Amino acid sequence: MSKPRVLVTGATGFLGPFVVAALQSQADVVTLARSGADLAADVAQPSALAAALAAAAPDLVIHLAAASR
């Protein structure tokens, strides 16, 4: 059985690195963040998010991205 493909948004934030590390042995993990990830996109921009989802083609999304100031 193949591993599920999991897209983790907010992968470079507070929780992201821990979730990615925990998943890597069980899933094909694709990371998404504004920078420093497999895919770079701002999840607040619908067209950028749609393009990232199309590129990643995930089976599951773990959404950890948040707005901060």
Protein backbone atom coordinates (compact mmCIF):
# COMPACT_ATOMS: atom_id res chain seq x y z
CA MET A 1 0.00 0.00 0.00
CA SER A 2 1.35 3.42 -0.92
CA LYS A 3 1.78 6.24 1.54
CA PRO A 4 -0.83 9.01 1.47
CA ARG A 5 0.29 12.39 0.15
CA VAL A 6 -0.19 15.01 2.87
CA LEU A 7 0.00 18.76 2.37
CA VAL A 8 0.96 20.65 5.53
CA THR A 9 0.24 24.38 5.44
CA GLY A 10 2.14 26.57 7.87
CA ALA A 11 4.96 24.04 7.75
CA THR A 12 7.61 26.53 8.88
CA GLY A 13 5.57 28.00 11.73
CA PHE A 14 5.34 27.07 15.40
CA LEU A 15 3.71 23.63 15.07
CA GLY A 16 4.56 22.81 11.45
CA PRO A 17 8.05 21.34 11.90
CA PHE A 18 6.85 18.97 14.62
CA VAL A 19 3.90 17.75 12.55
CA VAL A 20 6.08 17.29 9.46
CA ALA A 21 8.67 15.30 11.43
CA ALA A 22 5.98 13.06 12.92
CA LEU A 23 4.40 12.39 9.50
CA GLN A 24 7.50 11.76 7.39
CA SER A 25 7.76 8.04 8.14
CA GLN A 26 4.07 7.48 7.43
CA ALA A 27 3.29 9.79 4.52
CA ASP A 28 4.64 11.57 1.48
CA VAL A 29 4.72 15.05 3.01
CA VAL A 30 4.56 18.25 0.94
CA THR A 31 5.12 21.45 2.88
CA LEU A 32 3.53 24.82 2.15
CA ALA A 33 4.52 28.19 3.63
CA ARG A 34 5.25 31.72 2.46
CA SER A 35 8.91 30.72 2.12
CA GLY A 36 11.28 27.91 3.07
CA ALA A 37 8.94 25.04 2.13
CA ASP A 38 8.38 22.68 -0.81
CA LEU A 39 5.72 25.06 -2.13
CA ALA A 40 5.63 28.79 -1.49
CA ALA A 41 2.24 30.48 -1.37
CA ASP A 42 0.16 32.84 0.74
CA VAL A 43 -2.91 30.87 1.81
CA ALA A 44 -4.83 34.15 2.12
CA GLN A 45 -4.66 34.49 -1.68
CA PRO A 46 -7.24 32.14 -3.24
CA SER A 47 -5.48 31.80 -6.60
CA ALA A 48 -2.11 31.02 -4.97
CA LEU A 49 -3.74 28.44 -2.70
CA ALA A 50 -5.56 26.81 -5.63
CA ALA A 51 -2.30 26.57 -7.59
CA ALA A 52 -0.51 25.02 -4.61
CA LEU A 53 -3.29 22.47 -4.12
CA ALA A 54 -3.19 21.56 -7.80
CA ALA A 55 0.60 21.18 -7.70
CA ALA A 56 0.63 19.08 -4.52
CA ALA A 57 -2.38 16.87 -5.38
CA PRO A 58 -2.73 15.80 -1.74
CA ASP A 59 -4.87 13.03 -0.29
CA LEU A 60 -5.07 14.98 2.97
CA VAL A 61 -4.43 18.56 4.09
CA ILE A 62 -3.28 19.52 7.57
CA HIS A 63 -3.93 23.25 7.87
CA LEU A 64 -1.63 24.92 10.38
CA ALA A 65 -1.19 28.30 8.69
CA ALA A 66 -2.34 31.35 10.62
CA ALA A 67 -2.40 35.09 10.14
CA SER A 68 -0.02 37.01 12.33
CA ARG A 69 1.08 40.58 12.69
